[in-house]
Amino acid sequence: LAAWAGERLAAAGIRAWKRADTPATINLLGRAAGLLSRQRPEHSEVLCELGIAQRWSGDFDGAEETLNEAIDSAQDRRAELRARLEQAHVRLFSESVTNSDDLLHIAAESIPIFEELGDDRSLGRAWRHVGYVRGGIQGRLADWREAAERALVHYRRSGWSASGCLAELGAALLHGPTPVDEALARCDELLELTTDRAGQANVVSFMGGLVALEGRFDEARRLLGEATATYEEIGDTYALANNSGRVLGRVEQLSGDAASAERVLRECCGTFERIHDQAGLSTVAAELADALYVLGRDEEAGGWIDLAQKRAADDDVNAQHTWRRVRAKLLARQGAFSEARALAFEAARIVGDTDAINDHGTVLLDLVEVLRASGSPNDAAGYVHQAVGLFDRKGNIVSAEASRSLLSELSVA
């Protein structure tokens, strides 16, 4: 009877998970796992899906414990690798010292096995994780887009909600080298294919960031407002912070409204702190510090930069160049010019090894600000020219125009 009840609960939990209903999933799969024998093959599978749902709800500790149990109860190599892959992914967010190569090694071993078995669910998850490491951590955004596109194919075949996959594809399109017009066209295509409200909100969030690069700030805020309202209605506080919140913070900073950016980014940091998402917190704390720097609240900005530096994983390229570029400006304003220049150049070196061309341009402009403040403006124009080229490649009209204005200012000076 217990086994029968466990199977029924597991089936109901999987149906809820396919609809991206995280609370119902955690409830149903948690009860199912308690009823199913550890010797049954589906026990590890149920635990694996439960761990994923816990991670998306922000319960990283619970996810780690559940996935450990899934590994222990795995009845075959496929199930063990599936659980180990999910565990490696959770650790990217919950630990400040990570080795993302661990996940890539597990994925390299897992993907051929999943392919041989025709396991689209596991293949979709594997390619999502590979993409996140390549792009979200190592700064190879074109690789992220390619992996997310592959994951999307497997998600559709498997019948699972692709909402999370769509968010990662949207992030790769916004932050990577794909030109804005091409990225927006792809987002329009993705919207036609969304099957749930979460997926639609995920795509719309990153469309908001893309239209802002063209200077369409009212439209950007409208799109992000729609996404935020959806997240609030479905109770997805993590997506609200990680998708629409983070993008809105960047939009407001780009529009010149540092006060609004500070408010939004502070809320995002609060969410990441509550759920112990070290990866999200490390980068967004630095972006919050940047908004505070613009507002002249340097002491408060310094506290957030300290936090960002402490939480940034060594292999998280995005976090590493972001905290450096902001601290460099703070140090220059304090008169510590030598240290400021060293940090600014190091940030430029780190981001220069990526294809995050918007971020690369931003880091170069911050380097110019440090050079000018420290009385070493000789190379400033060259770095601004590089930034203009990067922004033009992306289709970031707002930043390109601002950079050209800076060039005019430098030529007059």
Protein backbone atom coordinates (compact mmCIF):
# COMPACT_ATOMS: atom_id res chain seq x y z
CA LEU A 1 0.00 0.00 0.00
CA ALA A 2 2.83 2.39 0.87
CA ALA A 3 4.53 1.68 -2.45
CA TRP A 4 1.27 2.27 -4.34
CA ALA A 5 0.69 5.57 -2.50
CA GLY A 6 4.28 6.59 -3.13
CA GLU A 7 3.93 5.95 -6.85
CA ARG A 8 0.71 7.97 -7.02
CA LEU A 9 2.29 10.87 -5.12
CA ALA A 10 5.40 10.72 -7.28
CA ALA A 11 3.33 10.85 -10.45
CA ALA A 12 1.36 13.81 -9.10
CA GLY A 13 4.58 15.54 -8.07
CA ILE A 14 6.10 15.08 -11.51
CA ARG A 15 2.96 16.53 -13.11
CA ALA A 16 3.23 19.55 -10.83
CA TRP A 17 6.93 19.92 -11.61
CA LYS A 18 6.26 19.82 -15.34
CA ARG A 19 3.94 22.79 -14.76
CA ALA A 20 6.76 24.53 -12.82
CA ASP A 21 4.58 24.46 -9.66
CA THR A 22 7.47 24.36 -7.19
CA PRO A 23 5.56 24.37 -3.85
CA ALA A 24 3.27 21.52 -4.89
CA THR A 25 6.24 19.62 -6.29
CA ILE A 26 8.19 19.80 -3.04
CA ASN A 27 5.16 18.70 -1.03
CA LEU A 28 4.21 15.77 -3.26
CA LEU A 29 7.70 14.49 -4.06
CA GLY A 30 8.79 14.80 -0.43
CA ARG A 31 5.87 12.63 0.66
CA ALA A 32 6.50 10.17 -2.18
CA ALA A 33 10.17 9.77 -1.24
CA GLY A 34 9.16 8.90 2.30
CA LEU A 35 6.90 6.09 1.10
CA LEU A 36 9.02 4.55 -1.66
CA SER A 37 11.61 1.91 -0.77
CA ARG A 38 15.25 2.90 -1.32
CA GLN A 39 15.66 -0.26 -3.37
CA ARG A 40 13.15 0.89 -6.00
CA PRO A 41 14.76 2.51 -9.08
CA GLU A 42 12.33 5.43 -9.02
CA HIS A 43 13.33 6.37 -5.45
CA SER A 44 16.55 8.06 -6.58
CA GLU A 45 14.73 9.72 -9.49
CA VAL A 46 12.09 11.18 -7.16
CA LEU A 47 14.80 12.47 -4.83
CA CYS A 48 16.68 14.00 -7.73
CA GLU A 49 13.64 15.96 -8.90
CA LEU A 50 12.87 16.95 -5.31
CA GLY A 51 16.40 18.30 -4.91
CA ILE A 52 16.04 20.40 -8.05
CA ALA A 53 12.75 21.84 -6.80
CA GLN A 54 14.28 22.63 -3.41
CA ARG A 55 17.16 24.41 -5.10
CA TRP A 56 14.77 26.59 -7.14
CA SER A 57 12.80 27.41 -4.02
CA GLY A 58 16.02 28.67 -2.42
CA ASP A 59 16.52 25.75 -0.03
CA PHE A 60 20.12 24.99 -1.00
CA ASP A 61 20.89 23.07 2.19
CA GLY A 62 17.82 20.91 1.75
CA ALA A 63 18.69 20.29 -1.88
CA GLU A 64 22.22 19.20 -0.96
CA GLU A 65 20.89 16.74 1.62
CA THR A 66 18.27 15.35 -0.75
CA LEU A 67 20.75 14.89 -3.60
CA ASN A 68 23.20 13.13 -1.30
CA GLU A 69 20.44 10.66 -0.52
CA ALA A 70 19.66 10.31 -4.23
CA ILE A 71 23.29 9.40 -4.93
CA ASP A 72 23.31 6.85 -2.12
CA SER A 73 20.10 5.18 -3.28
CA ALA A 74 20.92 5.16 -7.02
CA GLN A 75 20.47 1.70 -8.53
CA ASP A 76 22.51 2.30 -11.69
CA ARG A 77 25.23 4.52 -13.12
CA ARG A 78 22.77 6.74 -15.02
CA ALA A 79 20.83 7.58 -11.85
CA GLU A 80 24.02 8.22 -9.89
CA LEU A 81 25.44 10.54 -12.55
CA ARG A 82 22.14 12.39 -12.81
CA ALA A 83 22.14 13.07 -9.06
CA ARG A 84 25.84 14.00 -9.00
CA LEU A 85 25.29 16.46 -11.82
CA GLU A 86 22.47 18.17 -9.95
CA GLN A 87 24.52 18.24 -6.76
CA ALA A 88 27.45 19.89 -8.57
CA HIS A 89 25.03 22.50 -9.91
CA VAL A 90 23.63 23.30 -6.47
CA ARG A 91 27.14 23.78 -5.13
CA LEU A 92 27.86 26.46 -7.71
CA PHE A 93 25.33 28.67 -5.93
CA SER A 94 25.71 27.63 -2.32
CA GLU A 95 29.49 27.69 -1.90
CA SER A 96 31.79 30.71 -2.19
CA VAL A 97 34.71 28.46 -3.12
CA THR A 98 33.74 26.32 -6.10
CA ASN A 99 35.33 24.40 -8.91
CA SER A 100 33.03 24.62 -11.88
CA ASP A 101 35.23 22.18 -13.79
CA ASP A 102 33.85 19.45 -11.52
CA LEU A 103 30.45 19.90 -13.10
CA LEU A 104 31.90 19.89 -16.62
CA HIS A 105 33.74 16.63 -15.91
CA ILE A 106 30.56 14.97 -14.63
CA ALA A 107 28.62 16.27 -17.63
CA ALA A 108 31.24 14.94 -20.06
CA GLU A 109 30.82 11.49 -18.54
CA SER A 110 27.04 11.72 -18.26
CA ILE A 111 25.93 13.06 -21.64
CA PRO A 112 27.01 10.02 -23.72
CA ILE A 113 25.19 7.71 -21.31
CA PHE A 114 22.04 9.84 -21.39
CA GLU A 115 22.22 9.96 -25.20
CA GLU A 116 22.57 6.20 -25.49
CA LEU A 117 19.48 5.74 -23.33
CA GLY A 118 17.50 8.50 -25.06
CA ASP A 119 17.03 10.25 -21.70
CA ASP A 120 15.85 13.68 -22.83
CA ARG A 121 15.06 14.88 -19.31
CA SER A 122 18.62 14.26 -18.13
CA LEU A 123 20.11 15.60 -21.37
CA GLY A 124 18.15 18.83 -21.00
CA ARG A 125 19.39 19.29 -17.46
CA ALA A 126 22.98 18.43 -18.41
CA TRP A 127 23.14 20.95 -21.25
CA ARG A 128 21.59 23.65 -19.06
CA HIS A 129 24.27 23.12 -16.45
CA VAL A 130 27.07 23.06 -19.01
CA GLY A 131 25.74 26.31 -20.46
CA TYR A 132 25.57 28.01 -17.08
CA VAL A 133 29.17 27.10 -16.29
CA ARG A 134 30.42 28.19 -19.71
CA GLY A 135 28.55 31.47 -19.69
CA GLY A 136 27.39 32.39 -16.21
CA ILE A 137 30.71 31.53 -14.58
CA GLN A 138 33.43 31.39 -17.23
CA GLY A 139 32.08 34.29 -19.30
CA ARG A 140 31.69 32.39 -22.58
CA LEU A 141 28.22 33.61 -23.45
CA ALA A 142 28.08 32.29 -27.02
CA ASP A 143 28.72 28.82 -25.58
CA TRP A 144 25.92 29.43 -23.08
CA ARG A 145 23.49 30.28 -25.85
CA GLU A 146 24.46 27.18 -27.83
CA ALA A 147 24.09 24.90 -24.81
CA ALA A 148 20.76 26.46 -23.81
CA GLU A 149 19.43 25.99 -27.35
CA ARG A 150 20.41 22.30 -27.18
CA ALA A 151 18.79 21.98 -23.77
CA LEU A 152 15.59 23.52 -25.10
CA VAL A 153 15.27 20.79 -27.74
CA HIS A 154 15.50 18.07 -25.09
CA TYR A 155 13.07 19.86 -22.77
CA ARG A 156 10.46 19.99 -25.51
CA ARG A 157 10.93 16.32 -26.33
CA SER A 158 10.64 15.33 -22.68
CA GLY A 159 7.44 17.26 -22.02
CA TRP A 160 8.88 19.20 -19.08
CA SER A 161 8.36 22.93 -18.56
CA ALA A 162 11.19 24.76 -20.28
CA SER A 163 10.71 27.92 -18.23
CA GLY A 164 14.08 27.74 -16.49
CA CYS A 165 15.81 26.87 -19.74
CA LEU A 166 14.23 29.92 -21.36
CA ALA A 167 15.56 32.17 -18.60
CA GLU A 168 19.11 30.96 -19.18
CA LEU A 169 18.78 31.37 -22.94
CA GLY A 170 17.44 34.88 -22.37
CA ALA A 171 20.39 35.72 -20.12
CA ALA A 172 22.84 34.49 -22.76
CA LEU A 173 21.11 36.58 -25.43
CA LEU A 174 21.15 39.73 -23.29
CA HIS A 175 24.65 39.54 -21.84
CA GLY A 176 26.48 37.81 -24.67
CA PRO A 177 27.71 38.87 -28.11
CA THR A 178 24.42 38.30 -29.96
CA PRO A 179 23.40 41.69 -31.48
CA VAL A 180 20.31 43.24 -29.92
CA ASP A 181 18.15 42.98 -33.06
CA GLU A 182 18.96 39.28 -33.48
CA ALA A 183 18.45 38.61 -29.78
CA LEU A 184 15.04 40.32 -29.78
CA ALA A 185 13.98 38.34 -32.84
CA ARG A 186 14.91 35.10 -31.07
CA CYS A 187 12.98 36.20 -27.97
CA ASP A 188 9.90 36.80 -30.12
CA GLU A 189 10.23 33.25 -31.43
CA LEU A 190 10.61 31.90 -27.91
CA LEU A 191 7.49 33.69 -26.73
CA GLU A 192 5.52 31.88 -29.43
CA LEU A 193 6.69 28.58 -27.96
CA THR A 194 6.17 29.20 -24.24
CA THR A 195 3.69 26.89 -22.56
CA ASP A 196 3.39 28.46 -19.11
CA ARG A 197 3.37 31.85 -17.43
CA ALA A 198 6.76 31.35 -15.81
CA GLY A 199 8.38 30.75 -19.18
CA GLN A 200 6.74 33.83 -20.65
CA ALA A 201 7.92 35.98 -17.73
CA ASN A 202 11.44 34.64 -18.10
CA VAL A 203 11.63 35.61 -21.77
CA VAL A 204 9.98 38.99 -21.21
CA SER A 205 12.46 39.84 -18.43
CA PHE A 206 15.43 39.65 -20.77
CA MET A 207 13.56 41.34 -23.60
CA GLY A 208 13.23 44.26 -21.20
CA GLY A 209 16.98 44.41 -20.84
CA LEU A 210 17.49 44.23 -24.60
CA VAL A 211 15.10 47.03 -25.54
CA ALA A 212 16.72 49.22 -22.87
CA LEU A 213 20.03 48.96 -24.73
CA GLU A 214 18.28 50.70 -27.63
CA GLY A 215 17.13 53.50 -25.30
CA ARG A 216 13.52 52.32 -25.08
CA PHE A 217 13.37 52.62 -21.30
CA ASP A 218 9.59 53.01 -20.93
CA GLU A 219 9.04 49.82 -22.90
CA ALA A 220 11.74 48.08 -20.88
CA ARG A 221 10.09 49.03 -17.59
CA ARG A 222 6.70 47.92 -18.91
CA LEU A 223 8.03 44.50 -19.91
CA LEU A 224 9.86 44.07 -16.62
CA GLY A 225 6.75 45.16 -14.72
CA GLU A 226 4.74 42.46 -16.49
CA ALA A 227 7.33 39.84 -15.61
CA THR A 228 7.50 41.00 -11.99
CA ALA A 229 3.72 40.85 -11.64
CA THR A 230 3.72 37.27 -12.96
CA TYR A 231 6.46 36.18 -10.56
CA GLU A 232 4.56 37.72 -7.66
CA GLU A 233 1.32 36.01 -8.68
CA ILE A 234 2.91 32.57 -9.00
CA GLY A 235 5.03 33.05 -5.86
CA ASP A 236 8.42 32.74 -7.58
CA THR A 237 10.49 35.10 -5.43
CA TYR A 238 13.78 33.69 -6.68
CA ALA A 239 12.99 34.39 -10.35
CA LEU A 240 11.74 37.84 -9.35
CA ALA A 241 15.19 38.63 -7.96
CA ASN A 242 17.34 36.68 -10.39
CA ASN A 243 15.52 37.62 -13.60
CA SER A 244 13.35 40.74 -13.64
CA GLY A 245 15.00 42.27 -10.56
CA ARG A 246 18.59 41.98 -11.73
CA VAL A 247 17.71 43.14 -15.22
CA LEU A 248 15.70 46.11 -13.93
CA GLY A 249 18.63 47.15 -11.76
CA ARG A 250 20.85 47.28 -14.84
CA VAL A 251 18.19 49.10 -16.84
CA GLU A 252 17.83 51.81 -14.22
CA GLN A 253 21.59 52.22 -13.96
CA LEU A 254 21.82 52.47 -17.76
CA SER A 255 19.04 55.08 -17.79
CA GLY A 256 20.92 57.21 -15.27
CA ASP A 257 18.52 56.58 -12.37
CA ALA A 258 20.99 55.28 -9.79
CA ALA A 259 18.49 55.77 -6.94
CA SER A 260 15.99 53.37 -8.53
CA ALA A 261 18.78 50.95 -9.38
CA GLU A 262 19.93 51.01 -5.76
CA ARG A 263 16.45 50.22 -4.48
CA VAL A 264 15.89 47.31 -6.87
CA LEU A 265 19.35 45.79 -6.42
CA ARG A 266 19.09 46.04 -2.63
CA GLU A 267 15.89 43.98 -2.77
CA CYS A 268 17.63 41.40 -4.97
CA CYS A 269 20.54 41.16 -2.53
CA GLY A 270 18.09 40.63 0.30
CA THR A 271 16.56 37.67 -1.53
CA PHE A 272 19.96 36.14 -2.34
CA GLU A 273 21.08 36.56 1.27
CA ARG A 274 17.93 34.89 2.63
CA ILE A 275 18.33 31.83 0.44
CA HIS A 276 22.14 31.74 0.69
CA ASP A 277 22.72 32.11 -3.07
CA GLN A 278 26.38 33.07 -2.95
CA ALA A 279 26.77 33.26 -6.73
CA GLY A 280 23.91 35.70 -7.24
CA LEU A 281 24.83 37.77 -4.21
CA SER A 282 28.49 38.20 -5.15
CA THR A 283 27.74 39.91 -8.46
CA VAL A 284 24.61 41.84 -7.53
CA ALA A 285 26.23 43.18 -4.34
CA ALA A 286 28.94 44.71 -6.52
CA GLU A 287 26.32 46.19 -8.86
CA LEU A 288 24.53 47.64 -5.83
CA ALA A 289 27.84 49.15 -4.70
CA ASP A 290 28.20 50.74 -8.15
CA ALA A 291 24.80 52.42 -7.81
CA LEU A 292 25.76 53.66 -4.34
CA TYR A 293 29.04 54.97 -5.74
CA VAL A 294 27.14 57.03 -8.32
CA LEU A 295 24.97 58.38 -5.50
CA GLY A 296 28.09 59.42 -3.56
CA ARG A 297 27.48 56.97 -0.69
CA ASP A 298 31.01 55.63 -0.74
CA GLU A 299 31.20 54.18 2.75
CA GLU A 300 28.07 52.11 2.20
CA ALA A 301 29.32 51.09 -1.24
CA GLY A 302 32.56 49.89 0.31
CA GLY A 303 30.66 47.59 2.65
CA TRP A 304 28.84 45.95 -0.23
CA ILE A 305 32.07 45.58 -2.19
CA ASP A 306 33.64 43.86 0.80
CA LEU A 307 30.72 41.43 0.78
CA ALA A 308 30.93 40.91 -2.99
CA GLN A 309 34.65 40.18 -2.82
CA LYS A 310 34.20 37.78 0.08
CA ARG A 311 31.39 35.82 -1.60
CA ALA A 312 32.83 35.74 -5.14
CA ALA A 313 34.03 32.28 -6.13
CA ASP A 314 37.54 32.21 -7.54
CA ASP A 315 36.34 30.84 -10.88
CA ASP A 316 33.33 33.17 -11.21
CA VAL A 317 34.65 35.53 -13.88
CA ASN A 318 31.64 37.86 -13.79
CA ALA A 319 31.82 38.37 -10.06
CA GLN A 320 35.59 38.82 -10.12
CA HIS A 321 35.71 41.62 -12.68
CA THR A 322 32.60 43.37 -11.30
CA TRP A 323 33.84 43.85 -7.75
CA ARG A 324 37.25 44.96 -9.02
CA ARG A 325 35.94 47.63 -11.36
CA VAL A 326 33.75 49.18 -8.66
CA ARG A 327 36.37 49.05 -5.91
CA ALA A 328 38.86 50.64 -8.30
CA LYS A 329 36.60 53.67 -8.67
CA LEU A 330 36.10 53.92 -4.93
CA LEU A 331 39.85 53.78 -4.33
CA ALA A 332 40.51 56.44 -6.97
CA ARG A 333 37.97 58.73 -5.32
CA GLN A 334 39.83 58.20 -2.04
CA GLY A 335 43.16 59.08 -3.64
CA ALA A 336 44.62 55.54 -3.60
CA PHE A 337 45.53 55.84 -7.26
CA SER A 338 48.16 53.15 -7.61
CA GLU A 339 45.92 50.46 -6.13
CA ALA A 340 42.94 51.76 -8.08
CA ARG A 341 44.77 51.54 -11.41
CA ALA A 342 46.03 48.03 -10.64
CA LEU A 343 42.51 46.80 -9.86
CA ALA A 344 40.97 48.52 -12.88
CA PHE A 345 43.53 46.98 -15.24
CA GLU A 346 43.04 43.58 -13.62
CA ALA A 347 39.26 43.86 -14.13
CA ALA A 348 39.88 44.72 -17.80
CA ARG A 349 42.19 41.73 -18.17
CA ILE A 350 39.63 39.35 -16.65
CA VAL A 351 36.67 40.55 -18.72
CA GLY A 352 38.84 40.72 -21.83
CA ASP A 353 39.02 36.92 -21.84
CA THR A 354 35.22 36.70 -22.16
CA ASP A 355 32.69 37.50 -24.88
CA ALA A 356 30.49 39.49 -22.47
CA ILE A 357 30.94 42.53 -24.67
CA ASN A 358 28.61 44.86 -22.76
CA ASP A 359 30.42 44.15 -19.52
CA HIS A 360 33.77 44.52 -21.30
CA GLY A 361 32.80 47.97 -22.50
CA THR A 362 31.59 48.97 -19.03
CA VAL A 363 34.85 47.84 -17.43
CA LEU A 364 36.86 49.86 -19.97
CA LEU A 365 34.84 53.00 -19.21
CA ASP A 366 35.45 52.48 -15.49
CA LEU A 367 39.16 52.08 -16.23
CA VAL A 368 39.06 55.43 -18.05
CA GLU A 369 37.37 57.02 -15.04
CA VAL A 370 40.15 55.73 -12.79
CA LEU A 371 42.89 56.90 -15.16
CA ARG A 372 41.42 60.38 -15.38
CA ALA A 373 40.98 60.65 -11.62
CA SER A 374 44.57 59.55 -11.03
CA GLY A 375 46.03 62.06 -13.45
CA SER A 376 46.98 59.45 -16.08
CA PRO A 377 44.59 60.21 -18.95
CA ASN A 378 47.04 59.55 -21.78
CA ASP A 379 45.58 56.18 -22.81
CA ALA A 380 41.98 57.05 -21.94
CA ALA A 381 40.83 57.82 -25.47
CA GLY A 382 42.10 54.47 -26.75
CA TYR A 383 40.10 52.57 -24.15
CA VAL A 384 36.98 54.60 -24.95
CA HIS A 385 37.39 53.78 -28.63
CA GLN A 386 37.52 50.09 -27.69
CA ALA A 387 34.36 50.49 -25.62
CA VAL A 388 32.53 52.16 -28.50
CA GLY A 389 33.43 49.26 -30.77
CA LEU A 390 32.12 46.74 -28.27
CA PHE A 391 28.86 48.61 -27.69
CA ASP A 392 28.33 49.03 -31.44
CA ARG A 393 28.82 45.29 -31.97
CA LYS A 394 26.15 44.55 -29.42
CA GLY A 395 23.74 47.22 -30.60
CA ASN A 396 23.93 48.99 -27.24
CA ILE A 397 22.97 52.41 -28.57
CA VAL A 398 22.78 54.07 -25.15
CA SER A 399 26.28 53.17 -24.01
CA ALA A 400 27.79 53.77 -27.46
CA GLU A 401 26.39 57.30 -27.57
CA ALA A 402 27.60 58.00 -24.02
CA SER A 403 31.05 56.73 -24.96
CA ARG A 404 31.20 58.97 -28.04
CA SER A 405 30.27 61.95 -25.88
CA LEU A 406 33.12 61.03 -23.56
CA LEU A 407 35.48 60.90 -26.53
CA SER A 408 34.44 64.43 -27.51
CA GLU A 409 35.06 65.57 -23.94
CA LEU A 410 38.51 64.01 -23.93
CA SER A 411 39.44 65.61 -27.26
CA VAL A 412 38.45 69.05 -25.95
CA ALA A 413 40.44 68.48 -22.77
